[in-house]
Amino acid sequence: MGFETETNFYTGLTQDISSGGLFVATHNLKPVGSKFMLQFKLPGASVAMELEVEVRWLRETSSLHRSDGPHGMGVRFVNLTNEQRSRIELFLKQRESLFYDDE
């Protein structure tokens, strides 16, 4: 996954995606409300998707705030095309559940 500013290109990771957005694990945080282009490739896909996202929330660690998860930002997909939405929804239907029932 990658995103860029006028001067730099950044990479990040995610394991959390939904039909509305995803979490980008990165130390290169952008301010809440920022919009930028994000490029990522769904597992099994041959072509990367590039779409506009908006930062909705941040996860960061400071001396006053501890978090168990990685630094990063939650982003919302903006202006998805029907094809992009369909590709994401198909991936979500086909992937294995992250929840395992022990019973």
PDB file of N, CA and C in Angstrom:
ATOM      1  N   MET A   1       0.846  -1.153   0.000  1.00  0.00           N
ATOM      2  CA  MET A   1       0.000   0.000   0.000  1.00  0.00           C
ATOM      3  C   MET A   1       0.893   1.216   0.000  1.00  0.00           C
ATOM      4  N   GLY A   2       0.478   2.254  -0.682  1.00  0.00           N
ATOM      5  CA  GLY A   2       1.287   3.456  -0.726  1.00  0.00           C
ATOM      6  C   GLY A   2       0.451   4.699  -0.830  1.00  0.00           C
ATOM      7  N   PHE A   3       1.005   5.789  -0.340  1.00  0.00           N
ATOM      8  CA  PHE A   3       0.404   7.098  -0.530  1.00  0.00           C
ATOM      9  C   PHE A   3       1.532   8.097  -0.669  1.00  0.00           C
ATOM     10  N   GLU A   4       1.211   9.236  -1.240  1.00  0.00           N
ATOM     11  CA  GLU A   4       2.273  10.196  -1.484  1.00  0.00           C
ATOM     12  C   GLU A   4       1.838  11.619  -1.190  1.00  0.00           C
ATOM     13  N   THR A   5       2.843  12.448  -0.928  1.00  0.00           N
ATOM     14  CA  THR A   5       2.635  13.879  -0.786  1.00  0.00           C
ATOM     15  C   THR A   5       3.324  14.523  -1.981  1.00  0.00           C
ATOM     16  N   GLU A   6       3.399  15.831  -1.998  1.00  0.00           N
ATOM     17  CA  GLU A   6       4.057  16.509  -3.111  1.00  0.00           C
ATOM     18  C   GLU A   6       5.541  16.171  -3.189  1.00  0.00           C
ATOM     19  N   THR A   7       6.137  15.775  -2.052  1.00  0.00           N
ATOM     20  CA  THR A   7       7.589  15.553  -2.030  1.00  0.00           C
ATOM     21  C   THR A   7       8.015  14.131  -1.707  1.00  0.00           C
ATOM     22  N   ASN A   8       7.116  13.287  -1.181  1.00  0.00           N
ATOM     23  CA  ASN A   8       7.517  11.949  -0.753  1.00  0.00           C
ATOM     24  C   ASN A   8       6.457  10.906  -1.071  1.00  0.00           C
ATOM     25  N   PHE A   9       6.919   9.649  -1.176  1.00  0.00           N
ATOM     26  CA  PHE A   9       6.033   8.506  -1.318  1.00  0.00           C
ATOM     27  C   PHE A   9       6.193   7.665  -0.063  1.00  0.00           C
ATOM     28  N   TYR A  10       5.080   7.258   0.552  1.00  0.00           N
ATOM     29  CA  TYR A  10       5.122   6.480   1.791  1.00  0.00           C
ATOM     30  C   TYR A  10       4.480   5.118   1.569  1.00  0.00           C
ATOM     31  N   THR A  11       4.951   4.147   2.319  1.00  0.00           N
ATOM     32  CA  THR A  11       4.316   2.841   2.290  1.00  0.00           C
ATOM     33  C   THR A  11       3.791   2.520   3.677  1.00  0.00           C
ATOM     34  N   GLY A  12       2.786   1.683   3.726  1.00  0.00           N
ATOM     35  CA  GLY A  12       2.197   1.256   4.986  1.00  0.00           C
ATOM     36  C   GLY A  12       1.594  -0.119   4.811  1.00  0.00           C
ATOM     37  N   LEU A  13       1.052  -0.641   5.882  1.00  0.00           N
ATOM     38  CA  LEU A  13       0.444  -1.964   5.879  1.00  0.00           C
ATOM     39  C   LEU A  13      -0.968  -1.872   6.432  1.00  0.00           C
ATOM     40  N   THR A  14      -1.798  -2.829   6.076  1.00  0.00           N
ATOM     41  CA  THR A  14      -3.112  -2.929   6.695  1.00  0.00           C
ATOM     42  C   THR A  14      -3.519  -4.385   6.800  1.00  0.00           C
ATOM     43  N   GLN A  15      -4.282  -4.685   7.828  1.00  0.00           N
ATOM     44  CA  GLN A  15      -4.950  -5.977   7.949  1.00  0.00           C
ATOM     45  C   GLN A  15      -6.425  -5.748   8.221  1.00  0.00           C
ATOM     46  N   ASP A  16      -6.826  -4.490   8.209  1.00  0.00           N
ATOM     47  CA  ASP A  16      -8.183  -4.110   8.579  1.00  0.00           C
ATOM     48  C   ASP A  16      -8.800  -3.302   7.453  1.00  0.00           C
ATOM     49  N   ILE A  17      -9.732  -3.937   6.724  1.00  0.00           N
ATOM     50  CA  ILE A  17     -10.407  -3.252   5.627  1.00  0.00           C
ATOM     51  C   ILE A  17     -11.893  -3.561   5.713  1.00  0.00           C
ATOM     52  N   SER A  18     -12.703  -2.578   5.364  1.00  0.00           N
ATOM     53  CA  SER A  18     -14.144  -2.767   5.288  1.00  0.00           C
ATOM     54  C   SER A  18     -14.624  -2.120   3.998  1.00  0.00           C
ATOM     55  N   SER A  19     -15.920  -2.181   3.757  1.00  0.00           N
ATOM     56  CA  SER A  19     -16.440  -1.568   2.537  1.00  0.00           C
ATOM     57  C   SER A  19     -16.390  -0.043   2.605  1.00  0.00           C
ATOM     58  N   GLY A  20     -16.178   0.512   3.807  1.00  0.00           N
ATOM     59  CA  GLY A  20     -16.152   1.960   3.949  1.00  0.00           C
ATOM     60  C   GLY A  20     -14.782   2.581   4.062  1.00  0.00           C
ATOM     61  N   GLY A  21     -13.768   1.768   4.375  1.00  0.00           N
ATOM     62  CA  GLY A  21     -12.431   2.314   4.539  1.00  0.00           C
ATOM     63  C   GLY A  21     -11.470   1.277   5.058  1.00  0.00           C
ATOM     64  N   LEU A  22     -10.307   1.747   5.532  1.00  0.00           N
ATOM     65  CA  LEU A  22      -9.309   0.821   6.056  1.00  0.00           C
ATOM     66  C   LEU A  22      -8.377   1.527   7.028  1.00  0.00           C
ATOM     67  N   PHE A  23      -7.576   0.740   7.732  1.00  0.00           N
ATOM     68  CA  PHE A  23      -6.577   1.268   8.652  1.00  0.00           C
ATOM     69  C   PHE A  23      -5.214   1.159   7.992  1.00  0.00           C
ATOM     70  N   VAL A  24      -4.459   2.256   7.986  1.00  0.00           N
ATOM     71  CA  VAL A  24      -3.111   2.282   7.424  1.00  0.00           C
ATOM     72  C   VAL A  24      -2.133   2.329   8.593  1.00  0.00           C
ATOM     73  N   ALA A  25      -1.349   1.278   8.775  1.00  0.00           N
ATOM     74  CA  ALA A  25      -0.337   1.251   9.830  1.00  0.00           C
ATOM     75  C   ALA A  25       0.902   1.982   9.322  1.00  0.00           C
ATOM     76  N   THR A  26       1.172   3.152   9.885  1.00  0.00           N
ATOM     77  CA  THR A  26       2.287   3.984   9.437  1.00  0.00           C
ATOM     78  C   THR A  26       2.625   5.003  10.519  1.00  0.00           C
ATOM     79  N   HIS A  27       3.862   5.457  10.530  1.00  0.00           N
ATOM     80  CA  HIS A  27       4.264   6.558  11.414  1.00  0.00           C
ATOM     81  C   HIS A  27       4.119   7.899  10.706  1.00  0.00           C
ATOM     82  N   ASN A  28       3.852   7.882   9.420  1.00  0.00           N
ATOM     83  CA  ASN A  28       3.699   9.104   8.624  1.00  0.00           C
ATOM     84  C   ASN A  28       2.235   9.535   8.629  1.00  0.00           C
ATOM     85  N   LEU A  29       1.781  10.010   9.774  1.00  0.00           N
ATOM     86  CA  LEU A  29       0.377  10.363   9.949  1.00  0.00           C
ATOM     87  C   LEU A  29       0.042  11.683   9.274  1.00  0.00           C
ATOM     88  N   LYS A  30      -1.164  11.738   8.741  1.00  0.00           N
ATOM     89  CA  LYS A  30      -1.682  12.972   8.141  1.00  0.00           C
ATOM     90  C   LYS A  30      -2.773  13.490   9.076  1.00  0.00           C
ATOM     91  N   PRO A  31      -3.053  14.757   9.064  1.00  0.00           N
ATOM     92  CA  PRO A  31      -4.081  15.314   9.949  1.00  0.00           C
ATOM     93  C   PRO A  31      -5.476  14.772   9.635  1.00  0.00           C
ATOM     94  N   VAL A  32      -6.310  14.651  10.678  1.00  0.00           N
ATOM     95  CA  VAL A  32      -7.705  14.251  10.492  1.00  0.00           C
ATOM     96  C   VAL A  32      -8.349  15.244   9.526  1.00  0.00           C
ATOM     97  N   GLY A  33      -9.105  14.714   8.573  1.00  0.00           N
ATOM     98  CA  GLY A  33      -9.747  15.549   7.555  1.00  0.00           C
ATOM     99  C   GLY A  33      -8.959  15.650   6.264  1.00  0.00           C
ATOM    100  N   SER A  34      -7.676  15.267   6.298  1.00  0.00           N
ATOM    101  CA  SER A  34      -6.849  15.309   5.084  1.00  0.00           C
ATOM    102  C   SER A  34      -7.370  14.314   4.060  1.00  0.00           C
ATOM    103  N   LYS A  35      -7.321  14.705   2.804  1.00  0.00           N
ATOM    104  CA  LYS A  35      -7.673  13.794   1.711  1.00  0.00           C
ATOM    105  C   LYS A  35      -6.425  13.575   0.869  1.00  0.00           C
ATOM    106  N   PHE A  36      -6.248  12.340   0.417  1.00  0.00           N
ATOM    107  CA  PHE A  36      -5.115  12.018  -0.433  1.00  0.00           C
ATOM    108  C   PHE A  36      -5.426  10.762  -1.228  1.00  0.00           C
ATOM    109  N   MET A  37      -4.584  10.482  -2.221  1.00  0.00           N
ATOM    110  CA  MET A  37      -4.756   9.285  -3.042  1.00  0.00           C
ATOM    111  C   MET A  37      -3.995   8.134  -2.407  1.00  0.00           C
ATOM    112  N   LEU A  38      -4.647   6.996  -2.296  1.00  0.00           N
ATOM    113  CA  LEU A  38      -4.080   5.793  -1.696  1.00  0.00           C
ATOM    114  C   LEU A  38      -4.085   4.688  -2.736  1.00  0.00           C
ATOM    115  N   GLN A  39      -2.983   3.987  -2.854  1.00  0.00           N
ATOM    116  CA  GLN A  39      -2.891   2.870  -3.797  1.00  0.00           C
ATOM    117  C   GLN A  39      -2.659   1.597  -3.007  1.00  0.00           C
ATOM    118  N   PHE A  40      -3.462   0.556  -3.290  1.00  0.00           N
ATOM    119  CA  PHE A  40      -3.268  -0.731  -2.633  1.00  0.00           C
ATOM    120  C   PHE A  40      -3.759  -1.846  -3.537  1.00  0.00           C
ATOM    121  N   LYS A  41      -3.255  -3.033  -3.256  1.00  0.00           N
ATOM    122  CA  LYS A  41      -3.637  -4.210  -4.036  1.00  0.00           C
ATOM    123  C   LYS A  41      -4.242  -5.227  -3.082  1.00  0.00           C
ATOM    124  N   LEU A  42      -5.457  -5.648  -3.382  1.00  0.00           N
ATOM    125  CA  LEU A  42      -6.109  -6.670  -2.577  1.00  0.00           C
ATOM    126  C   LEU A  42      -5.422  -8.010  -2.816  1.00  0.00           C
ATOM    127  N   PRO A  43      -5.319  -8.855  -1.794  1.00  0.00           N
ATOM    128  CA  PRO A  43      -4.709 -10.173  -1.992  1.00  0.00           C
ATOM    129  C   PRO A  43      -5.380 -10.925  -3.137  1.00  0.00           C
ATOM    130  N   GLY A  44      -4.581 -11.489  -4.006  1.00  0.00           N
ATOM    131  CA  GLY A  44      -5.090 -12.240  -5.140  1.00  0.00           C
ATOM    132  C   GLY A  44      -5.411 -11.392  -6.364  1.00  0.00           C
ATOM    133  N   ALA A  45      -5.399 -10.086  -6.214  1.00  0.00           N
ATOM    134  CA  ALA A  45      -5.703  -9.197  -7.345  1.00  0.00           C
ATOM    135  C   ALA A  45      -4.448  -8.977  -8.182  1.00  0.00           C
ATOM    136  N   SER A  46      -4.635  -8.815  -9.475  1.00  0.00           N
ATOM    137  CA  SER A  46      -3.489  -8.570 -10.353  1.00  0.00           C
ATOM    138  C   SER A  46      -3.218  -7.079 -10.549  1.00  0.00           C
ATOM    139  N   VAL A  47      -4.220  -6.257 -10.260  1.00  0.00           N
ATOM    140  CA  VAL A  47      -4.101  -4.825 -10.488  1.00  0.00           C
ATOM    141  C   VAL A  47      -4.353  -4.071  -9.186  1.00  0.00           C
ATOM    142  N   ALA A  48      -3.530  -3.062  -8.927  1.00  0.00           N
ATOM    143  CA  ALA A  48      -3.710  -2.225  -7.741  1.00  0.00           C
ATOM    144  C   ALA A  48      -4.873  -1.265  -7.947  1.00  0.00           C
ATOM    145  N   MET A  49      -5.494  -0.872  -6.856  1.00  0.00           N
ATOM    146  CA  MET A  49      -6.548   0.138  -6.883  1.00  0.00           C
ATOM    147  C   MET A  49      -5.949   1.456  -6.398  1.00  0.00           C
ATOM    148  N   GLU A  50      -6.340   2.546  -7.015  1.00  0.00           N
ATOM    149  CA  GLU A  50      -5.939   3.862  -6.543  1.00  0.00           C
ATOM    150  C   GLU A  50      -7.210   4.655  -6.333  1.00  0.00           C
ATOM    151  N   LEU A  51      -7.414   5.119  -5.101  1.00  0.00           N
ATOM    152  CA  LEU A  51      -8.621   5.848  -4.806  1.00  0.00           C
ATOM    153  C   LEU A  51      -8.386   6.920  -3.758  1.00  0.00           C
ATOM    154  N   GLU A  52      -9.311   7.855  -3.725  1.00  0.00           N
ATOM    155  CA  GLU A  52      -9.207   8.959  -2.775  1.00  0.00           C
ATOM    156  C   GLU A  52      -9.715   8.505  -1.411  1.00  0.00           C
ATOM    157  N   VAL A  53      -9.013   8.922  -0.357  1.00  0.00           N
ATOM    158  CA  VAL A  53      -9.411   8.614   1.008  1.00  0.00           C
ATOM    159  C   VAL A  53      -9.353   9.883   1.850  1.00  0.00           C
ATOM    160  N   GLU A  54     -10.053   9.840   2.981  1.00  0.00           N
ATOM    161  CA  GLU A  54     -10.038  10.937   3.939  1.00  0.00           C
ATOM    162  C   GLU A  54      -9.689  10.386   5.309  1.00  0.00           C
ATOM    163  N   VAL A  55      -8.755  11.004   6.010  1.00  0.00           N
ATOM    164  CA  VAL A  55      -8.365  10.576   7.350  1.00  0.00           C
ATOM    165  C   VAL A  55      -9.503  10.895   8.314  1.00  0.00           C
ATOM    166  N   ARG A  56      -9.973   9.860   9.033  1.00  0.00           N
ATOM    167  CA  ARG A  56     -11.074  10.024   9.984  1.00  0.00           C
ATOM    168  C   ARG A  56     -10.594   9.980  11.430  1.00  0.00           C
ATOM    169  N   TRP A  57      -9.526   9.213  11.713  1.00  0.00           N
ATOM    170  CA  TRP A  57      -9.004   9.123  13.077  1.00  0.00           C
ATOM    171  C   TRP A  57      -7.554   8.670  13.048  1.00  0.00           C
ATOM    172  N   LEU A  58      -6.849   8.935  14.159  1.00  0.00           N
ATOM    173  CA  LEU A  58      -5.436   8.587  14.276  1.00  0.00           C
ATOM    174  C   LEU A  58      -5.219   7.696  15.489  1.00  0.00           C
ATOM    175  N   ARG A  59      -4.240   6.822  15.388  1.00  0.00           N
ATOM    176  CA  ARG A  59      -3.778   6.045  16.532  1.00  0.00           C
ATOM    177  C   ARG A  59      -2.294   6.338  16.677  1.00  0.00           C
ATOM    178  N   GLU A  60      -1.951   6.977  17.766  1.00  0.00           N
ATOM    179  CA  GLU A  60      -0.554   7.284  18.016  1.00  0.00           C
ATOM    180  C   GLU A  60      -0.254   7.087  19.492  1.00  0.00           C
ATOM    181  N   THR A  61       1.000   6.873  19.800  1.00  0.00           N
ATOM    182  CA  THR A  61       1.433   6.656  21.168  1.00  0.00           C
ATOM    183  C   THR A  61       2.239   7.858  21.626  1.00  0.00           C
ATOM    184  N   SER A  62       1.961   8.312  22.824  1.00  0.00           N
ATOM    185  CA  SER A  62       2.734   9.390  23.423  1.00  0.00           C
ATOM    186  C   SER A  62       2.952   9.045  24.886  1.00  0.00           C
ATOM    187  N   SER A  63       3.650   9.888  25.613  1.00  0.00           N
ATOM    188  CA  SER A  63       3.870   9.623  27.035  1.00  0.00           C
ATOM    189  C   SER A  63       2.562   9.659  27.816  1.00  0.00           C
ATOM    190  N   LEU A  64       1.535  10.338  27.277  1.00  0.00           N
ATOM    191  CA  LEU A  64       0.241  10.426  27.955  1.00  0.00           C
ATOM    192  C   LEU A  64      -0.772   9.403  27.461  1.00  0.00           C
ATOM    193  N   HIS A  65      -0.519   8.813  26.322  1.00  0.00           N
ATOM    194  CA  HIS A  65      -1.496   7.907  25.715  1.00  0.00           C
ATOM    195  C   HIS A  65      -0.801   6.657  25.205  1.00  0.00           C
ATOM    196  N   ARG A  66      -1.207   5.504  25.701  1.00  0.00           N
ATOM    197  CA  ARG A  66      -0.657   4.227  25.260  1.00  0.00           C
ATOM    198  C   ARG A  66      -1.686   3.498  24.393  1.00  0.00           C
ATOM    199  N   SER A  67      -1.213   2.757  23.428  1.00  0.00           N
ATOM    200  CA  SER A  67      -2.086   1.974  22.558  1.00  0.00           C
ATOM    201  C   SER A  67      -1.458   0.611  22.329  1.00  0.00           C
ATOM    202  N   ASP A  68      -2.290  -0.421  22.286  1.00  0.00           N
ATOM    203  CA  ASP A  68      -1.784  -1.767  22.019  1.00  0.00           C
ATOM    204  C   ASP A  68      -1.533  -2.010  20.540  1.00  0.00           C
ATOM    205  N   GLY A  69      -2.149  -1.219  19.683  1.00  0.00           N
ATOM    206  CA  GLY A  69      -2.012  -1.421  18.248  1.00  0.00           C
ATOM    207  C   GLY A  69      -0.917  -0.560  17.657  1.00  0.00           C
ATOM    208  N   PRO A  70      -0.632  -0.772  16.383  1.00  0.00           N
ATOM    209  CA  PRO A  70       0.405   0.018  15.708  1.00  0.00           C
ATOM    210  C   PRO A  70      -0.049   1.450  15.454  1.00  0.00           C
ATOM    211  N   HIS A  71       0.916   2.353  15.296  1.00  0.00           N
ATOM    212  CA  HIS A  71       0.615   3.727  14.880  1.00  0.00           C
ATOM    213  C   HIS A  71      -0.077   3.671  13.532  1.00  0.00           C
ATOM    214  N   GLY A  72      -0.939   4.610  13.292  1.00  0.00           N
ATOM    215  CA  GLY A  72      -1.561   4.659  11.974  1.00  0.00           C
ATOM    216  C   GLY A  72      -2.769   5.552  11.945  1.00  0.00           C
ATOM    217  N   MET A  73      -3.541   5.393  10.878  1.00  0.00           N
ATOM    218  CA  MET A  73      -4.715   6.240  10.689  1.00  0.00           C
ATOM    219  C   MET A  73      -5.831   5.450  10.017  1.00  0.00           C
ATOM    220  N   GLY A  74      -7.036   5.721  10.472  1.00  0.00           N
ATOM    221  CA  GLY A  74      -8.220   5.153   9.846  1.00  0.00           C
ATOM    222  C   GLY A  74      -8.678   6.084   8.751  1.00  0.00           C
ATOM    223  N   VAL A  75      -8.857   5.553   7.545  1.00  0.00           N
ATOM    224  CA  VAL A  75      -9.274   6.374   6.417  1.00  0.00           C
ATOM    225  C   VAL A  75     -10.588   5.867   5.838  1.00  0.00           C
ATOM    226  N   ARG A  76     -11.364   6.803   5.333  1.00  0.00           N
ATOM    227  CA  ARG A  76     -12.650   6.507   4.692  1.00  0.00           C
ATOM    228  C   ARG A  76     -12.471   6.642   3.187  1.00  0.00           C
ATOM    229  N   PHE A  77     -13.033   5.678   2.443  1.00  0.00           N
ATOM    230  CA  PHE A  77     -13.003   5.764   0.985  1.00  0.00           C
ATOM    231  C   PHE A  77     -13.912   6.913   0.531  1.00  0.00           C
ATOM    232  N   VAL A  78     -13.446   7.704  -0.439  1.00  0.00           N
ATOM    233  CA  VAL A  78     -14.203   8.835  -0.967  1.00  0.00           C
ATOM    234  C   VAL A  78     -14.456   8.582  -2.454  1.00  0.00           C
ATOM    235  N   ASN A  79     -15.696   8.748  -2.875  1.00  0.00           N
ATOM    236  CA  ASN A  79     -16.065   8.664  -4.296  1.00  0.00           C
ATOM    237  C   ASN A  79     -15.633   7.362  -4.968  1.00  0.00           C
ATOM    238  N   LEU A  80     -15.918   6.218  -4.322  1.00  0.00           N
ATOM    239  CA  LEU A  80     -15.614   4.930  -4.946  1.00  0.00           C
ATOM    240  C   LEU A  80     -16.432   4.757  -6.220  1.00  0.00           C
ATOM    241  N   THR A  81     -15.821   4.187  -7.233  1.00  0.00           N
ATOM    242  CA  THR A  81     -16.587   3.814  -8.420  1.00  0.00           C
ATOM    243  C   THR A  81     -17.329   2.519  -8.104  1.00  0.00           C
ATOM    244  N   ASN A  82     -18.303   2.182  -8.922  1.00  0.00           N
ATOM    245  CA  ASN A  82     -19.029   0.920  -8.729  1.00  0.00           C
ATOM    246  C   ASN A  82     -18.077  -0.264  -8.832  1.00  0.00           C
ATOM    247  N   GLU A  83     -17.123  -0.192  -9.762  1.00  0.00           N
ATOM    248  CA  GLU A  83     -16.160  -1.284  -9.932  1.00  0.00           C
ATOM    249  C   GLU A  83     -15.281  -1.432  -8.691  1.00  0.00           C
ATOM    250  N   GLN A  84     -14.791  -0.332  -8.148  1.00  0.00           N
ATOM    251  CA  GLN A  84     -13.954  -0.397  -6.946  1.00  0.00           C
ATOM    252  C   GLN A  84     -14.740  -0.972  -5.772  1.00  0.00           C
ATOM    253  N   ARG A  85     -15.964  -0.490  -5.582  1.00  0.00           N
ATOM    254  CA  ARG A  85     -16.805  -0.992  -4.493  1.00  0.00           C
ATOM    255  C   ARG A  85     -17.053  -2.493  -4.648  1.00  0.00           C
ATOM    256  N   SER A  86     -17.332  -2.920  -5.874  1.00  0.00           N
ATOM    257  CA  SER A  86     -17.587  -4.345  -6.130  1.00  0.00           C
ATOM    258  C   SER A  86     -16.355  -5.195  -5.831  1.00  0.00           C
ATOM    259  N   ARG A  87     -15.176  -4.719  -6.224  1.00  0.00           N
ATOM    260  CA  ARG A  87     -13.935  -5.467  -5.968  1.00  0.00           C
ATOM    261  C   ARG A  87     -13.688  -5.611  -4.468  1.00  0.00           C
ATOM    262  N   ILE A  88     -13.914  -4.544  -3.717  1.00  0.00           N
ATOM    263  CA  ILE A  88     -13.709  -4.597  -2.265  1.00  0.00           C
ATOM    264  C   ILE A  88     -14.731  -5.522  -1.615  1.00  0.00           C
ATOM    265  N   GLU A  89     -15.991  -5.399  -1.994  1.00  0.00           N
ATOM    266  CA  GLU A  89     -17.037  -6.235  -1.412  1.00  0.00           C
ATOM    267  C   GLU A  89     -16.828  -7.707  -1.746  1.00  0.00           C
ATOM    268  N   LEU A  90     -16.393  -8.023  -2.968  1.00  0.00           N
ATOM    269  CA  LEU A  90     -16.105  -9.404  -3.335  1.00  0.00           C
ATOM    270  C   LEU A  90     -14.965  -9.955  -2.487  1.00  0.00           C
ATOM    271  N   PHE A  91     -13.906  -9.173  -2.291  1.00  0.00           N
ATOM    272  CA  PHE A  91     -12.795  -9.596  -1.440  1.00  0.00           C
ATOM    273  C   PHE A  91     -13.287  -9.871  -0.023  1.00  0.00           C
ATOM    274  N   LEU A  92     -14.114  -8.986   0.531  1.00  0.00           N
ATOM    275  CA  LEU A  92     -14.601  -9.152   1.901  1.00  0.00           C
ATOM    276  C   LEU A  92     -15.449 -10.415   2.043  1.00  0.00           C
ATOM    277  N   LYS A  93     -16.225 -10.753   1.028  1.00  0.00           N
ATOM    278  CA  LYS A  93     -17.055 -11.970   1.070  1.00  0.00           C
ATOM    279  C   LYS A  93     -16.204 -13.227   0.994  1.00  0.00           C
ATOM    280  N   GLN A  94     -15.079 -13.174   0.282  1.00  0.00           N
ATOM    281  CA  GLN A  94     -14.276 -14.364   0.034  1.00  0.00           C
ATOM    282  C   GLN A  94     -13.200 -14.621   1.082  1.00  0.00           C
ATOM    283  N   ARG A  95     -12.793 -13.587   1.829  1.00  0.00           N
ATOM    284  CA  ARG A  95     -11.696 -13.788   2.780  1.00  0.00           C
ATOM    285  C   ARG A  95     -12.163 -14.581   3.990  1.00  0.00           C
ATOM    286  N   GLU A  96     -11.202 -15.219   4.643  1.00  0.00           N
ATOM    287  CA  GLU A  96     -11.516 -15.984   5.839  1.00  0.00           C
ATOM    288  C   GLU A  96     -11.858 -15.039   6.974  1.00  0.00           C
ATOM    289  N   SER A  97     -12.735 -15.482   7.840  1.00  0.00           N
ATOM    290  CA  SER A  97     -13.143 -14.687   8.981  1.00  0.00           C
ATOM    291  C   SER A  97     -11.967 -14.471   9.926  1.00  0.00           C
ATOM    292  N   LEU A  98     -11.902 -13.282  10.525  1.00  0.00           N
ATOM    293  CA  LEU A  98     -10.884 -12.999  11.527  1.00  0.00           C
ATOM    294  C   LEU A  98     -11.340 -13.441  12.910  1.00  0.00           C
ATOM    295  N   PHE A  99     -12.614 -13.867  13.030  1.00  0.00           N
ATOM    296  CA  PHE A  99     -13.181 -14.314  14.292  1.00  0.00           C
ATOM    297  C   PHE A  99     -13.291 -15.827  14.276  1.00  0.00           C
ATOM    298  N   TYR A 100     -12.762 -16.446  15.313  1.00  0.00           N
ATOM    299  CA  TYR A 100     -12.832 -17.898  15.420  1.00  0.00           C
ATOM    300  C   TYR A 100     -13.575 -18.260  16.687  1.00  0.00           C
ATOM    301  N   ASP A 101     -14.648 -19.044  16.554  1.00  0.00           N
ATOM    302  CA  ASP A 101     -15.441 -19.473  17.686  1.00  0.00           C
ATOM    303  C   ASP A 101     -14.826 -20.748  18.249  1.00  0.00           C
ATOM    304  N   ASP A 102     -14.446 -20.739  19.527  1.00  0.00           N
ATOM    305  CA  ASP A 102     -13.788 -21.888  20.159  1.00  0.00           C
ATOM    306  C   ASP A 102     -14.780 -22.987  20.526  1.00  0.00           C
ATOM    307  N   GLU A 103     -16.060 -22.735  20.439  1.00  0.00           N
ATOM    308  CA  GLU A 103     -17.028 -23.752  20.844  1.00  0.00           C
ATOM    309  C   GLU A 103     -17.354 -24.717  19.752  1.00  0.00           C
TER     310      GLU A 103
END
